[in-house]
Amino acid sequence: MQQADRPKQQAGPLEQQPEPPKPQPEPPKPQAEPLWLELPPLSLQAPRRLLVFLHGAGSSPEAFAPVALAWQLKFPGGTAAILEALRAGSTHRGKDWFDGRGVSAERQPRIAAACATVAQRLEALQRATGLEGSRTIVVGFSQGATVALELARSHPSLAAIVVSYAGQLARPVAPRERIAPTIHLVHGEFDSLVPAVHAERAWRGLGAAGADVTLDIAADEAHSIGQAMINLGTARVLQTLFRGRLRRPPGAAALH
């Protein structure tokens, strides 16, 4: 008995292989926050300088820009760099340079750490601009001024002149300490946040160490930098520059 022929199976269409998954685009990497806000010189014919600004606690480079611009009007050849502070502001706005809580001894290492970071940024700025410490002026306000004063003491080669608005020393001046940069202290008479007595103590201590230091107490001024304070600070720096960097005799600090 013959078996019926089995129907031949026809080859079906080739099975489609699943397509490999398409690579997903990588999410954009968060951009690093700028370390400073830079303002180009107002004049290419004026003497080149580097003006470095350290804003106060709870502030920002953008908020401090009007002060930097006012300084540039006096020094039109200066490249202005407003450094960004290092930590979130204690009042939940802007940024602070260091944690200001506690007594002076507790704040000293925080200020020293902030100063070390500022020194690194300042060195980077000087490399980028080709301007050395002899052509660098550092201007600080409040917390920024305290860091600027510490910078003058711990990294003296990075700035020729330091201007402290409403600042105070982070630590007492050591008996045989020598401070190379010229320091100008400017303080409001009615400053209630950082009383003017801090500037007077700094003036006495720095002067006793032989520093080239001046102190101006601005009448009727509080904890801010108005036009009168800008005029005082820029006038002091112009005097320093015009006298050809000739230092006064040790201990001959000027008080006005």
C-alpha atoms as a PDB file:
ATOM      1  CA  MET A   1       0.000   0.000   0.000  1.00  0.00           C
ATOM      2  CA  GLN A   2       1.510   3.209  -1.116  1.00  0.00           C
ATOM      3  CA  GLN A   3       1.753   6.111   1.300  1.00  0.00           C
ATOM      4  CA  ALA A   4       0.514   9.394   0.101  1.00  0.00           C
ATOM      5  CA  ASP A   5       3.255  11.861  -0.667  1.00  0.00           C
ATOM      6  CA  ARG A   6       3.579  14.473   2.057  1.00  0.00           C
ATOM      7  CA  PRO A   7       3.161  17.986   0.808  1.00  0.00           C
ATOM      8  CA  LYS A   8       6.452  19.750   0.452  1.00  0.00           C
ATOM      9  CA  GLN A   9       6.892  22.600   2.880  1.00  0.00           C
ATOM     10  CA  GLN A  10       7.647  25.812   1.133  1.00  0.00           C
ATOM     11  CA  ALA A  11      10.286  28.040   2.568  1.00  0.00           C
ATOM     12  CA  GLY A  12       8.649  30.981   4.234  1.00  0.00           C
ATOM     13  CA  PRO A  13      10.008  34.464   4.291  1.00  0.00           C
ATOM     14  CA  LEU A  14      13.145  35.028   6.323  1.00  0.00           C
ATOM     15  CA  GLU A  15      12.391  35.876   9.889  1.00  0.00           C
ATOM     16  CA  GLN A  16      13.224  39.501  10.533  1.00  0.00           C
ATOM     17  CA  GLN A  17      15.803  39.972  13.194  1.00  0.00           C
ATOM     18  CA  PRO A  18      14.967  42.658  15.792  1.00  0.00           C
ATOM     19  CA  GLU A  19      16.881  45.845  15.147  1.00  0.00           C
ATOM     20  CA  PRO A  20      19.505  46.661  17.717  1.00  0.00           C
ATOM     21  CA  PRO A  21      18.408  49.451  20.013  1.00  0.00           C
ATOM     22  CA  LYS A  22      19.489  52.865  18.850  1.00  0.00           C
ATOM     23  CA  PRO A  23      21.994  54.525  21.122  1.00  0.00           C
ATOM     24  CA  GLN A  24      20.327  57.151  23.192  1.00  0.00           C
ATOM     25  CA  PRO A  25      21.927  60.579  23.130  1.00  0.00           C
ATOM     26  CA  GLU A  26      23.821  61.350  26.308  1.00  0.00           C
ATOM     27  CA  PRO A  27      22.171  63.929  28.498  1.00  0.00           C
ATOM     28  CA  PRO A  28      23.961  67.249  28.345  1.00  0.00           C
ATOM     29  CA  LYS A  29      26.620  67.574  30.973  1.00  0.00           C
ATOM     30  CA  PRO A  30      25.992  70.330  33.463  1.00  0.00           C
ATOM     31  CA  GLN A  31      28.229  73.283  32.741  1.00  0.00           C
ATOM     32  CA  ALA A  32      30.661  74.252  35.428  1.00  0.00           C
ATOM     33  CA  GLU A  33      29.789  77.440  37.199  1.00  0.00           C
ATOM     34  CA  PRO A  34      32.053  80.344  36.206  1.00  0.00           C
ATOM     35  CA  LEU A  35      34.722  81.111  38.744  1.00  0.00           C
ATOM     36  CA  TRP A  36      34.643  84.827  38.017  1.00  0.00           C
ATOM     37  CA  LEU A  37      32.955  87.524  35.983  1.00  0.00           C
ATOM     38  CA  GLU A  38      35.461  89.280  33.745  1.00  0.00           C
ATOM     39  CA  LEU A  39      35.103  92.815  32.388  1.00  0.00           C
ATOM     40  CA  PRO A  40      37.493  93.869  29.598  1.00  0.00           C
ATOM     41  CA  PRO A  41      39.512  97.083  29.830  1.00  0.00           C
ATOM     42  CA  LEU A  42      37.774 100.330  28.900  1.00  0.00           C
ATOM     43  CA  SER A  43      40.901 101.586  27.104  1.00  0.00           C
ATOM     44  CA  LEU A  44      43.712  99.762  25.365  1.00  0.00           C
ATOM     45  CA  GLN A  45      45.965 102.819  25.613  1.00  0.00           C
ATOM     46  CA  ALA A  46      45.857 103.120  29.421  1.00  0.00           C
ATOM     47  CA  PRO A  47      48.333 101.191  31.619  1.00  0.00           C
ATOM     48  CA  ARG A  48      47.370  97.544  31.919  1.00  0.00           C
ATOM     49  CA  ARG A  49      46.391  96.287  35.331  1.00  0.00           C
ATOM     50  CA  LEU A  50      44.472  93.406  36.869  1.00  0.00           C
ATOM     51  CA  LEU A  51      41.657  94.499  39.186  1.00  0.00           C
ATOM     52  CA  VAL A  52      40.355  91.584  41.248  1.00  0.00           C
ATOM     53  CA  PHE A  53      37.191  92.002  43.325  1.00  0.00           C
ATOM     54  CA  LEU A  54      35.926  89.849  46.198  1.00  0.00           C
ATOM     55  CA  HIS A  55      32.267  90.590  46.910  1.00  0.00           C
ATOM     56  CA  GLY A  56      30.643  90.480  50.331  1.00  0.00           C
ATOM     57  CA  ALA A  57      28.744  87.651  52.006  1.00  0.00           C
ATOM     58  CA  GLY A  58      25.401  86.779  50.472  1.00  0.00           C
ATOM     59  CA  SER A  59      26.234  88.541  47.213  1.00  0.00           C
ATOM     60  CA  SER A  60      27.372  87.638  43.684  1.00  0.00           C
ATOM     61  CA  PRO A  61      29.698  88.908  40.943  1.00  0.00           C
ATOM     62  CA  GLU A  62      26.732  90.315  39.037  1.00  0.00           C
ATOM     63  CA  ALA A  63      25.570  92.334  42.037  1.00  0.00           C
ATOM     64  CA  PHE A  64      29.103  93.664  42.569  1.00  0.00           C
ATOM     65  CA  ALA A  65      29.632  94.635  38.923  1.00  0.00           C
ATOM     66  CA  PRO A  66      28.685  98.328  39.416  1.00  0.00           C
ATOM     67  CA  VAL A  67      31.516  98.699  41.938  1.00  0.00           C
ATOM     68  CA  ALA A  68      33.978  97.087  39.522  1.00  0.00           C
ATOM     69  CA  LEU A  69      32.836  99.359  36.693  1.00  0.00           C
ATOM     70  CA  ALA A  70      33.267 102.419  38.903  1.00  0.00           C
ATOM     71  CA  TRP A  71      36.829 101.329  39.618  1.00  0.00           C
ATOM     72  CA  GLN A  72      37.488 100.762  35.926  1.00  0.00           C
ATOM     73  CA  LEU A  73      36.529 104.379  35.218  1.00  0.00           C
ATOM     74  CA  LYS A  74      39.520 105.368  37.383  1.00  0.00           C
ATOM     75  CA  PHE A  75      41.760 102.646  35.915  1.00  0.00           C
ATOM     76  CA  PRO A  76      40.505 102.269  32.312  1.00  0.00           C
ATOM     77  CA  GLY A  77      43.338  99.965  31.308  1.00  0.00           C
ATOM     78  CA  GLY A  78      42.435  97.469  33.988  1.00  0.00           C
ATOM     79  CA  THR A  79      40.917  94.069  33.341  1.00  0.00           C
ATOM     80  CA  ALA A  80      38.338  93.573  36.084  1.00  0.00           C
ATOM     81  CA  ALA A  81      37.627  90.098  37.466  1.00  0.00           C
ATOM     82  CA  ILE A  82      34.913  89.649  40.101  1.00  0.00           C
ATOM     83  CA  LEU A  83      35.473  86.294  41.767  1.00  0.00           C
ATOM     84  CA  GLU A  84      32.564  84.048  42.719  1.00  0.00           C
ATOM     85  CA  ALA A  85      32.451  83.166  46.411  1.00  0.00           C
ATOM     86  CA  LEU A  86      32.789  79.554  47.503  1.00  0.00           C
ATOM     87  CA  ARG A  87      29.744  78.388  49.455  1.00  0.00           C
ATOM     88  CA  ALA A  88      25.993  78.885  49.573  1.00  0.00           C
ATOM     89  CA  GLY A  89      25.042  82.046  51.395  1.00  0.00           C
ATOM     90  CA  SER A  90      24.003  81.695  55.017  1.00  0.00           C
ATOM     91  CA  THR A  91      20.925  83.843  54.276  1.00  0.00           C
ATOM     92  CA  HIS A  92      19.896  81.554  51.356  1.00  0.00           C
ATOM     93  CA  ARG A  93      20.893  84.103  48.750  1.00  0.00           C
ATOM     94  CA  GLY A  94      24.149  84.730  46.973  1.00  0.00           C
ATOM     95  CA  LYS A  95      27.321  83.101  48.210  1.00  0.00           C
ATOM     96  CA  ASP A  96      29.702  83.430  51.141  1.00  0.00           C
ATOM     97  CA  TRP A  97      33.461  83.068  51.225  1.00  0.00           C
ATOM     98  CA  PHE A  98      33.495  81.148  54.494  1.00  0.00           C
ATOM     99  CA  ASP A  99      31.239  80.055  57.320  1.00  0.00           C
ATOM    100  CA  GLY A 100      31.158  83.098  59.565  1.00  0.00           C
ATOM    101  CA  ARG A 101      29.733  81.334  62.601  1.00  0.00           C
ATOM    102  CA  GLY A 102      31.655  80.914  65.820  1.00  0.00           C
ATOM    103  CA  VAL A 103      34.443  82.880  67.442  1.00  0.00           C
ATOM    104  CA  SER A 104      37.521  84.210  65.683  1.00  0.00           C
ATOM    105  CA  ALA A 105      39.673  81.156  66.431  1.00  0.00           C
ATOM    106  CA  GLU A 106      37.062  78.871  64.836  1.00  0.00           C
ATOM    107  CA  ARG A 107      36.840  81.021  61.711  1.00  0.00           C
ATOM    108  CA  GLN A 108      40.584  81.244  61.099  1.00  0.00           C
ATOM    109  CA  PRO A 109      41.024  77.845  59.344  1.00  0.00           C
ATOM    110  CA  ARG A 110      37.939  78.506  57.199  1.00  0.00           C
ATOM    111  CA  ILE A 111      39.318  81.869  56.116  1.00  0.00           C
ATOM    112  CA  ALA A 112      42.716  80.291  55.408  1.00  0.00           C
ATOM    113  CA  ALA A 113      41.057  77.648  53.213  1.00  0.00           C
ATOM    114  CA  ALA A 114      39.081  80.306  51.324  1.00  0.00           C
ATOM    115  CA  CYS A 115      42.252  82.331  50.873  1.00  0.00           C
ATOM    116  CA  ALA A 116      44.079  79.339  49.389  1.00  0.00           C
ATOM    117  CA  THR A 117      41.323  78.865  46.793  1.00  0.00           C
ATOM    118  CA  VAL A 118      41.329  82.575  45.932  1.00  0.00           C
ATOM    119  CA  ALA A 119      45.105  82.423  45.497  1.00  0.00           C
ATOM    120  CA  GLN A 120      44.727  79.585  42.974  1.00  0.00           C
ATOM    121  CA  ARG A 121      42.141  81.540  40.992  1.00  0.00           C
ATOM    122  CA  LEU A 122      44.272  84.661  41.103  1.00  0.00           C
ATOM    123  CA  GLU A 123      47.259  82.755  39.765  1.00  0.00           C
ATOM    124  CA  ALA A 124      45.073  81.422  36.931  1.00  0.00           C
ATOM    125  CA  LEU A 125      43.919  84.954  36.120  1.00  0.00           C
ATOM    126  CA  GLN A 126      47.473  86.234  36.071  1.00  0.00           C
ATOM    127  CA  ARG A 127      48.533  83.467  33.706  1.00  0.00           C
ATOM    128  CA  ALA A 128      45.570  84.159  31.425  1.00  0.00           C
ATOM    129  CA  THR A 129      46.128  87.918  31.306  1.00  0.00           C
ATOM    130  CA  GLY A 130      49.917  87.943  31.447  1.00  0.00           C
ATOM    131  CA  LEU A 131      49.765  90.404  34.359  1.00  0.00           C
ATOM    132  CA  GLU A 132      51.934  89.701  37.374  1.00  0.00           C
ATOM    133  CA  GLY A 133      51.362  90.469  41.017  1.00  0.00           C
ATOM    134  CA  SER A 134      53.159  93.800  40.671  1.00  0.00           C
ATOM    135  CA  ARG A 135      50.295  94.954  38.422  1.00  0.00           C
ATOM    136  CA  THR A 136      47.489  93.358  40.456  1.00  0.00           C
ATOM    137  CA  ILE A 137      45.117  95.206  42.779  1.00  0.00           C
ATOM    138  CA  VAL A 138      42.753  93.205  45.000  1.00  0.00           C
ATOM    139  CA  VAL A 139      39.615  94.926  46.308  1.00  0.00           C
ATOM    140  CA  GLY A 140      37.414  93.205  48.878  1.00  0.00           C
ATOM    141  CA  PHE A 141      34.215  94.049  50.734  1.00  0.00           C
ATOM    142  CA  SER A 142      33.175  92.654  54.124  1.00  0.00           C
ATOM    143  CA  GLN A 143      33.908  88.885  54.045  1.00  0.00           C
ATOM    144  CA  GLY A 144      35.729  89.434  50.764  1.00  0.00           C
ATOM    145  CA  ALA A 145      37.857  92.109  52.429  1.00  0.00           C
ATOM    146  CA  THR A 146      38.784  89.748  55.253  1.00  0.00           C
ATOM    147  CA  VAL A 147      39.929  87.190  52.674  1.00  0.00           C
ATOM    148  CA  ALA A 148      41.804  89.911  50.759  1.00  0.00           C
ATOM    149  CA  LEU A 149      43.677  90.957  53.913  1.00  0.00           C
ATOM    150  CA  GLU A 150      44.625  87.353  54.605  1.00  0.00           C
ATOM    151  CA  LEU A 151      45.784  87.028  50.989  1.00  0.00           C
ATOM    152  CA  ALA A 152      48.108  90.006  51.463  1.00  0.00           C
ATOM    153  CA  ARG A 153      49.694  88.229  54.416  1.00  0.00           C
ATOM    154  CA  SER A 154      49.845  84.601  53.273  1.00  0.00           C
ATOM    155  CA  HIS A 155      50.413  85.151  49.513  1.00  0.00           C
ATOM    156  CA  PRO A 156      52.161  88.542  49.358  1.00  0.00           C
ATOM    157  CA  SER A 157      53.547  88.119  45.843  1.00  0.00           C
ATOM    158  CA  LEU A 158      50.102  87.880  44.236  1.00  0.00           C
ATOM    159  CA  ALA A 159      49.076  91.530  44.690  1.00  0.00           C
ATOM    160  CA  ALA A 160      50.888  94.836  45.002  1.00  0.00           C
ATOM    161  CA  ILE A 161      47.929  96.644  46.562  1.00  0.00           C
ATOM    162  CA  VAL A 162      44.987  95.417  48.638  1.00  0.00           C
ATOM    163  CA  VAL A 163      41.955  97.585  49.398  1.00  0.00           C
ATOM    164  CA  SER A 164      39.742  96.463  52.279  1.00  0.00           C
ATOM    165  CA  TYR A 165      36.215  97.852  52.489  1.00  0.00           C
ATOM    166  CA  ALA A 166      34.614  97.010  55.852  1.00  0.00           C
ATOM    167  CA  GLY A 167      37.071  94.187  56.495  1.00  0.00           C
ATOM    168  CA  GLN A 168      38.856  92.786  59.518  1.00  0.00           C
ATOM    169  CA  LEU A 169      41.946  90.723  60.142  1.00  0.00           C
ATOM    170  CA  ALA A 170      41.390  86.982  60.391  1.00  0.00           C
ATOM    171  CA  ARG A 171      44.176  86.678  62.987  1.00  0.00           C
ATOM    172  CA  PRO A 172      46.406  89.012  64.984  1.00  0.00           C
ATOM    173  CA  VAL A 173      49.609  90.271  63.403  1.00  0.00           C
ATOM    174  CA  ALA A 174      52.579  88.203  64.587  1.00  0.00           C
ATOM    175  CA  PRO A 175      55.436  90.027  66.372  1.00  0.00           C
ATOM    176  CA  ARG A 176      57.965  89.691  63.526  1.00  0.00           C
ATOM    177  CA  GLU A 177      55.536  89.439  60.648  1.00  0.00           C
ATOM    178  CA  ARG A 178      56.281  91.451  57.517  1.00  0.00           C
ATOM    179  CA  ILE A 179      53.566  92.442  55.046  1.00  0.00           C
ATOM    180  CA  ALA A 180      54.765  93.299  51.543  1.00  0.00           C
ATOM    181  CA  PRO A 181      51.673  94.643  49.719  1.00  0.00           C
ATOM    182  CA  THR A 182      50.382  98.151  50.323  1.00  0.00           C
ATOM    183  CA  ILE A 183      47.083  97.968  52.236  1.00  0.00           C
ATOM    184  CA  HIS A 184      44.342 100.588  52.235  1.00  0.00           C
ATOM    185  CA  LEU A 185      41.597 100.219  54.834  1.00  0.00           C
ATOM    186  CA  VAL A 186      38.305 102.015  54.121  1.00  0.00           C
ATOM    187  CA  HIS A 187      35.441 101.772  56.598  1.00  0.00           C
ATOM    188  CA  GLY A 188      32.075 103.413  57.149  1.00  0.00           C
ATOM    189  CA  GLU A 189      31.732 105.461  60.298  1.00  0.00           C
ATOM    190  CA  PHE A 190      28.319 103.976  61.092  1.00  0.00           C
ATOM    191  CA  ASP A 191      28.963 100.378  60.023  1.00  0.00           C
ATOM    192  CA  SER A 192      26.948  98.275  62.466  1.00  0.00           C
ATOM    193  CA  LEU A 193      27.681  94.859  60.903  1.00  0.00           C
ATOM    194  CA  VAL A 194      31.468  95.212  61.013  1.00  0.00           C
ATOM    195  CA  PRO A 195      32.162  98.155  63.335  1.00  0.00           C
ATOM    196  CA  ALA A 196      34.967 100.517  62.392  1.00  0.00           C
ATOM    197  CA  VAL A 197      36.943  99.457  65.464  1.00  0.00           C
ATOM    198  CA  HIS A 198      38.020  96.371  63.484  1.00  0.00           C
ATOM    199  CA  ALA A 199      39.650  98.580  60.862  1.00  0.00           C
ATOM    200  CA  GLU A 200      41.339 100.658  63.558  1.00  0.00           C
ATOM    201  CA  ARG A 201      42.779  97.505  65.160  1.00  0.00           C
ATOM    202  CA  ALA A 202      44.002  96.290  61.791  1.00  0.00           C
ATOM    203  CA  TRP A 203      45.613  99.662  61.090  1.00  0.00           C
ATOM    204  CA  ARG A 204      47.459  99.628  64.394  1.00  0.00           C
ATOM    205  CA  GLY A 205      48.602  96.021  64.052  1.00  0.00           C
ATOM    206  CA  LEU A 206      49.716  96.308  60.446  1.00  0.00           C
ATOM    207  CA  GLY A 207      51.413  99.636  61.089  1.00  0.00           C
ATOM    208  CA  ALA A 208      53.312  98.210  64.056  1.00  0.00           C
ATOM    209  CA  ALA A 209      54.608  95.468  61.762  1.00  0.00           C
ATOM    210  CA  GLY A 210      55.966  98.093  59.377  1.00  0.00           C
ATOM    211  CA  ALA A 211      53.318  97.624  56.701  1.00  0.00           C
ATOM    212  CA  ASP A 212      52.554 100.363  54.204  1.00  0.00           C
ATOM    213  CA  VAL A 213      48.978 100.876  55.403  1.00  0.00           C
ATOM    214  CA  THR A 214      46.388 103.680  55.451  1.00  0.00           C
ATOM    215  CA  LEU A 215      43.012 103.977  57.158  1.00  0.00           C
ATOM    216  CA  ASP A 216      40.077 106.118  56.085  1.00  0.00           C
ATOM    217  CA  ILE A 217      36.891 106.281  58.171  1.00  0.00           C
ATOM    218  CA  ALA A 218      34.173 107.559  55.843  1.00  0.00           C
ATOM    219  CA  ALA A 219      31.822 109.966  57.602  1.00  0.00           C
ATOM    220  CA  ASP A 220      28.120 109.114  57.524  1.00  0.00           C
ATOM    221  CA  GLU A 221      28.763 105.820  55.666  1.00  0.00           C
ATOM    222  CA  ALA A 222      27.447 102.422  56.803  1.00  0.00           C
ATOM    223  CA  HIS A 223      28.068  98.832  55.641  1.00  0.00           C
ATOM    224  CA  SER A 224      28.067  99.491  51.903  1.00  0.00           C
ATOM    225  CA  ILE A 225      30.208 100.855  49.074  1.00  0.00           C
ATOM    226  CA  GLY A 226      28.792 104.113  47.804  1.00  0.00           C
ATOM    227  CA  GLN A 227      30.450 106.683  45.576  1.00  0.00           C
ATOM    228  CA  ALA A 228      32.237 108.309  48.514  1.00  0.00           C
ATOM    229  CA  MET A 229      33.793 104.966  49.468  1.00  0.00           C
ATOM    230  CA  ILE A 230      34.810 104.314  45.862  1.00  0.00           C
ATOM    231  CA  ASN A 231      36.424 107.750  45.685  1.00  0.00           C
ATOM    232  CA  LEU A 232      38.401 107.072  48.861  1.00  0.00           C
ATOM    233  CA  GLY A 233      39.634 103.675  47.722  1.00  0.00           C
ATOM    234  CA  THR A 234      40.600 104.703  44.201  1.00  0.00           C
ATOM    235  CA  ALA A 235      42.276 107.891  45.445  1.00  0.00           C
ATOM    236  CA  ARG A 236      44.432 105.866  47.822  1.00  0.00           C
ATOM    237  CA  VAL A 237      45.488 103.502  45.059  1.00  0.00           C
ATOM    238  CA  LEU A 238      46.271 106.390  42.705  1.00  0.00           C
ATOM    239  CA  GLN A 239      48.440 107.962  45.396  1.00  0.00           C
ATOM    240  CA  THR A 240      50.312 104.690  45.793  1.00  0.00           C
ATOM    241  CA  LEU A 241      50.881 104.386  42.064  1.00  0.00           C
ATOM    242  CA  PHE A 242      51.850 108.023  41.540  1.00  0.00           C
ATOM    243  CA  ARG A 243      54.472 107.983  44.244  1.00  0.00           C
ATOM    244  CA  GLY A 244      56.275 105.347  42.218  1.00  0.00           C
ATOM    245  CA  ARG A 245      55.805 102.574  44.767  1.00  0.00           C
ATOM    246  CA  LEU A 246      58.144 104.396  47.166  1.00  0.00           C
ATOM    247  CA  ARG A 247      57.263 103.085  50.575  1.00  0.00           C
ATOM    248  CA  ARG A 248      56.912 105.279  53.616  1.00  0.00           C
ATOM    249  CA  PRO A 249      59.356 104.642  56.471  1.00  0.00           C
ATOM    250  CA  PRO A 250      58.399 101.648  58.628  1.00  0.00           C
ATOM    251  CA  GLY A 251      55.708 102.512  61.133  1.00  0.00           C
ATOM    252  CA  ALA A 252      54.642 105.662  59.277  1.00  0.00           C
ATOM    253  CA  ALA A 253      51.130 104.440  58.589  1.00  0.00           C
ATOM    254  CA  ALA A 254      48.679 107.124  57.528  1.00  0.00           C
ATOM    255  CA  LEU A 255      45.343 107.707  59.260  1.00  0.00           C
ATOM    256  CA  HIS A 256      42.641 110.000  57.843  1.00  0.00           C
END
